[in-house]
Amino acid sequence: MQTTRPLALPLDTPGRSVQLNDLTTAMEAIIGRHGSRRVLLAALGVLLTGRKRKLRQIPAAELSAHLRRDIGLGPAQTAPPLVELMR
C-alpha cells in the first residue's frame, strides 16, 4: 500500500517556475486525499460551468430611492424646504 505524504509545494513562490513533477505530485496528493472520481467530477464541473463573470458594482448614486432605503442608505438628495414647495 502506498503511503500518502502531505502536500507542501510552494507553487506560488516568486521567481520559481512550476515544474511538471510539482504538478504531478500535487495531483497525486489531491487524488489520494479525495479520490479519483471526486477529482474528475470536480474538474468536469469547472470545465462545463465556465468562468464566473465578475459582477459590476453599481454606485450608490445610481440606485433608486426605494433600493437605497431597503439597504439602509439615506436619501440621495434631501427634500427641498417646505417653504420653497409652497411658492
C-alpha atoms as a PDB file:
ATOM      1  CA  MET A   1       0.000   0.000   0.000  1.00  0.00           C
ATOM      2  CA  GLN A   2       1.315   3.390  -0.940  1.00  0.00           C
ATOM      3  CA  THR A   3       1.670   5.939   1.824  1.00  0.00           C
ATOM      4  CA  THR A   4       0.463   9.446   1.217  1.00  0.00           C
ATOM      5  CA  ARG A   5       2.644  12.369   2.067  1.00  0.00           C
ATOM      6  CA  PRO A   6       1.337  15.818   2.935  1.00  0.00           C
ATOM      7  CA  LEU A   7       1.114  18.339   0.129  1.00  0.00           C
ATOM      8  CA  ALA A   8       3.697  21.037   0.781  1.00  0.00           C
ATOM      9  CA  LEU A   9       4.520  22.637  -2.536  1.00  0.00           C
ATOM     10  CA  PRO A  10       5.482  26.300  -2.740  1.00  0.00           C
ATOM     11  CA  LEU A  11       3.909  26.720  -6.198  1.00  0.00           C
ATOM     12  CA  ASP A  12       3.401  30.451  -5.824  1.00  0.00           C
ATOM     13  CA  THR A  13       6.951  31.280  -4.789  1.00  0.00           C
ATOM     14  CA  PRO A  14       8.176  34.297  -6.789  1.00  0.00           C
ATOM     15  CA  GLY A  15      10.930  33.575  -9.289  1.00  0.00           C
ATOM     16  CA  ARG A  16      10.274  29.829  -9.309  1.00  0.00           C
ATOM     17  CA  SER A  17       8.820  28.131 -12.347  1.00  0.00           C
ATOM     18  CA  VAL A  18       6.334  25.327 -11.814  1.00  0.00           C
ATOM     19  CA  GLN A  19       7.792  22.015 -12.930  1.00  0.00           C
ATOM     20  CA  LEU A  20       5.840  19.051 -14.269  1.00  0.00           C
ATOM     21  CA  ASN A  21       6.963  16.980 -11.288  1.00  0.00           C
ATOM     22  CA  ASP A  22       5.397  19.535  -8.930  1.00  0.00           C
ATOM     23  CA  LEU A  23       2.063  19.321 -10.734  1.00  0.00           C
ATOM     24  CA  THR A  24       2.170  15.534 -10.852  1.00  0.00           C
ATOM     25  CA  THR A  25       2.939  15.356  -7.159  1.00  0.00           C
ATOM     26  CA  ALA A  26       0.157  17.819  -6.393  1.00  0.00           C
ATOM     27  CA  MET A  27      -2.395  15.876  -8.454  1.00  0.00           C
ATOM     28  CA  GLU A  28      -1.339  12.592  -6.842  1.00  0.00           C
ATOM     29  CA  ALA A  29      -1.790  14.132  -3.407  1.00  0.00           C
ATOM     30  CA  ILE A  30      -5.201  15.561  -4.304  1.00  0.00           C
ATOM     31  CA  ILE A  31      -6.388  12.271  -5.820  1.00  0.00           C
ATOM     32  CA  GLY A  32      -5.002  10.375  -2.838  1.00  0.00           C
ATOM     33  CA  ARG A  33      -6.879  12.586  -0.425  1.00  0.00           C
ATOM     34  CA  HIS A  34     -10.214  12.962  -2.255  1.00  0.00           C
ATOM     35  CA  GLY A  35     -10.371  10.030  -4.666  1.00  0.00           C
ATOM     36  CA  SER A  36     -10.135   9.914  -8.436  1.00  0.00           C
ATOM     37  CA  ARG A  37     -13.902  10.032  -9.019  1.00  0.00           C
ATOM     38  CA  ARG A  38     -14.408  13.165  -6.956  1.00  0.00           C
ATOM     39  CA  VAL A  39     -11.414  14.939  -8.542  1.00  0.00           C
ATOM     40  CA  LEU A  40     -12.615  14.020 -12.042  1.00  0.00           C
ATOM     41  CA  LEU A  41     -16.161  15.224 -11.351  1.00  0.00           C
ATOM     42  CA  ALA A  42     -14.871  18.487  -9.866  1.00  0.00           C
ATOM     43  CA  ALA A  43     -12.637  19.099 -12.897  1.00  0.00           C
ATOM     44  CA  LEU A  44     -15.516  18.362 -15.288  1.00  0.00           C
ATOM     45  CA  GLY A  45     -17.793  20.637 -13.308  1.00  0.00           C
ATOM     46  CA  VAL A  46     -15.360  23.520 -13.603  1.00  0.00           C
ATOM     47  CA  LEU A  47     -14.905  22.921 -17.318  1.00  0.00           C
ATOM     48  CA  LEU A  48     -18.630  22.759 -18.024  1.00  0.00           C
ATOM     49  CA  THR A  49     -19.719  25.747 -15.969  1.00  0.00           C
ATOM     50  CA  GLY A  50     -17.059  28.085 -17.306  1.00  0.00           C
ATOM     51  CA  ARG A  51     -15.713  31.087 -15.525  1.00  0.00           C
ATOM     52  CA  LYS A  52     -17.934  33.177 -13.355  1.00  0.00           C
ATOM     53  CA  ARG A  53     -18.366  36.705 -14.577  1.00  0.00           C
ATOM     54  CA  LYS A  54     -17.335  39.389 -12.133  1.00  0.00           C
ATOM     55  CA  LEU A  55     -20.379  41.385 -11.170  1.00  0.00           C
ATOM     56  CA  ARG A  56     -20.248  45.105 -11.691  1.00  0.00           C
ATOM     57  CA  GLN A  57     -20.754  47.123  -8.555  1.00  0.00           C
ATOM     58  CA  ILE A  58     -23.420  49.763  -9.004  1.00  0.00           C
ATOM     59  CA  PRO A  59     -22.502  53.124  -7.488  1.00  0.00           C
ATOM     60  CA  ALA A  60     -24.876  54.161  -4.723  1.00  0.00           C
ATOM     61  CA  ALA A  61     -25.740  57.338  -6.649  1.00  0.00           C
ATOM     62  CA  GLU A  62     -27.378  55.224  -9.379  1.00  0.00           C
ATOM     63  CA  LEU A  63     -29.707  53.361  -7.015  1.00  0.00           C
ATOM     64  CA  SER A  64     -33.365  54.298  -6.852  1.00  0.00           C
ATOM     65  CA  ALA A  65     -34.773  55.731  -3.633  1.00  0.00           C
ATOM     66  CA  HIS A  66     -36.582  52.546  -2.579  1.00  0.00           C
ATOM     67  CA  LEU A  67     -33.450  50.405  -3.076  1.00  0.00           C
ATOM     68  CA  ARG A  68     -31.366  52.877  -1.108  1.00  0.00           C
ATOM     69  CA  ARG A  69     -33.926  52.742   1.700  1.00  0.00           C
ATOM     70  CA  ASP A  70     -34.046  48.900   1.593  1.00  0.00           C
ATOM     71  CA  ILE A  71     -30.288  48.523   2.122  1.00  0.00           C
ATOM     72  CA  GLY A  72     -30.109  51.180   4.809  1.00  0.00           C
ATOM     73  CA  LEU A  73     -28.739  54.161   2.886  1.00  0.00           C
ATOM     74  CA  GLY A  74     -30.088  57.625   3.333  1.00  0.00           C
ATOM     75  CA  PRO A  75     -31.795  59.535   0.544  1.00  0.00           C
ATOM     76  CA  ALA A  76     -29.618  60.662  -2.360  1.00  0.00           C
ATOM     77  CA  GLN A  77     -30.966  64.172  -2.115  1.00  0.00           C
ATOM     78  CA  THR A  78     -32.678  65.833   0.772  1.00  0.00           C
ATOM     79  CA  ALA A  79     -36.164  67.157   0.189  1.00  0.00           C
ATOM     80  CA  PRO A  80     -36.401  70.847  -0.537  1.00  0.00           C
ATOM     81  CA  PRO A  81     -37.602  73.037   2.316  1.00  0.00           C
ATOM     82  CA  LEU A  82     -41.360  73.190   2.692  1.00  0.00           C
ATOM     83  CA  VAL A  83     -41.348  76.961   2.096  1.00  0.00           C
ATOM     84  CA  GLU A  84     -39.978  76.510  -1.439  1.00  0.00           C
ATOM     85  CA  LEU A  85     -42.634  73.926  -2.247  1.00  0.00           C
ATOM     86  CA  MET A  86     -45.429  76.395  -1.358  1.00  0.00           C
ATOM     87  CA  ARG A  87     -44.256  79.120  -3.753  1.00  0.00           C
END
